[in-house]
Amino acid sequence: MKQVQNPIQGMAIMAGAMLVLPVMDAIAKYMATYEGMSPGQVTFYRFFIQLVCTLPLLFIGGGLAAFRVNRPWMNLLRGALHAAASLLFFVAVKYMPLADVFAIYFVEPFMLTAMSALFLGDKVGWRRWTAIAIGFIGAMIVIQPSFAIFGWTALLPVACAFLFTLYLFMNRAIGDTDTPLAMQTMSGIGGTLFCAAAIAFGYGALGEPDFAPSLPQSDLAILLLLILGSISGYAHLMVVRAFRLAPLSLLAPFQYFEIISATILGYTLFGDFPTLLKWLGIAIIVGSGLFIIWRERKAGETGAR
């Protein structure tokens, strides 16, 4: 049965999810800064607890029958890509301000548009190519001072954005073959397995401290990890729900709410606040992204490119 659309409810759910999701990254930064837990271990807990949180919903929705997936290996790969992107993001927020990482990460819509044109044959006109170029200039404005301070770490959000773009491509490839809850569960399995392997190789073979295995050392750490995994599981289900209630073109701009939440959390918890130059870069990135979304919507309505 076709989902009845409710744009207002969809926008409200999407806005709520986007404002909540940066809490995950603030927790990851807190765990690295004050609890001494490596980003690799935090990422593992994120996907493992996400899996634990979504399994009860799966069984309530129909037990093992609801867990049946038509493309299990592709769903596991989705989870691995998502976990790899999350790991790079958590490493970045360990060393950099939250708002800076989010601003650089938001080159992802430009990557998605460009890759859709190059590999899927989607038609992208000169206006959107121009917006992509301007958006990357905005990213460079944010990256340049960050690179001077943090070195190659400042490019981790770009790599994260690329991996997340591949993850979105996997979503498109799988399409509607499986239920969102089954896909989320498989993503949790794939992500957990990837993180376990990353910890074993990154710390066991390379001795990299950002992959060091550890257990939470306080009740607060346990609580924060539970919140982290719960947000990971349920907030992404909120996003799926929102996209079933309202069209993509209407919901896409709400992703930039994450910068608002990240800036507030970064300043409140860690005393980080973007400089005027970085605000300029953020404004250029957001403006270019919103223009691409507007052109996509207009092209869908009129056939113009």
Foldseek 3Di string as FASTA:
>chain_A
DAFAADQVVLQVLLLVLLLPQCLLLLLLLCCVPPVVAFLLQLLLLQLQLLLVVLVVVQCVVPRVVQLDFDCLVLLLVLLLLLSVLSSLLSVLVNPDALLLLVLLLLLLVLVLVVCCCVPVVDDDDPLLVVLNVLLVVLSCLSLVVVCVPPNPSSCSSVVSSVSVSVSVVSCVVRDPRHDPSSSSNSSSVSSNVNSVVCLCCCCVVVVPSSSDDDDGDDPVSVVSSSVSNVSSNVSVVSNVVSCSRDPPLSSVLSSLSNSVSSQVSSCVPPNDHDDPSNVSSSVSNSVSSNVSSVVVVVCVVPVDD
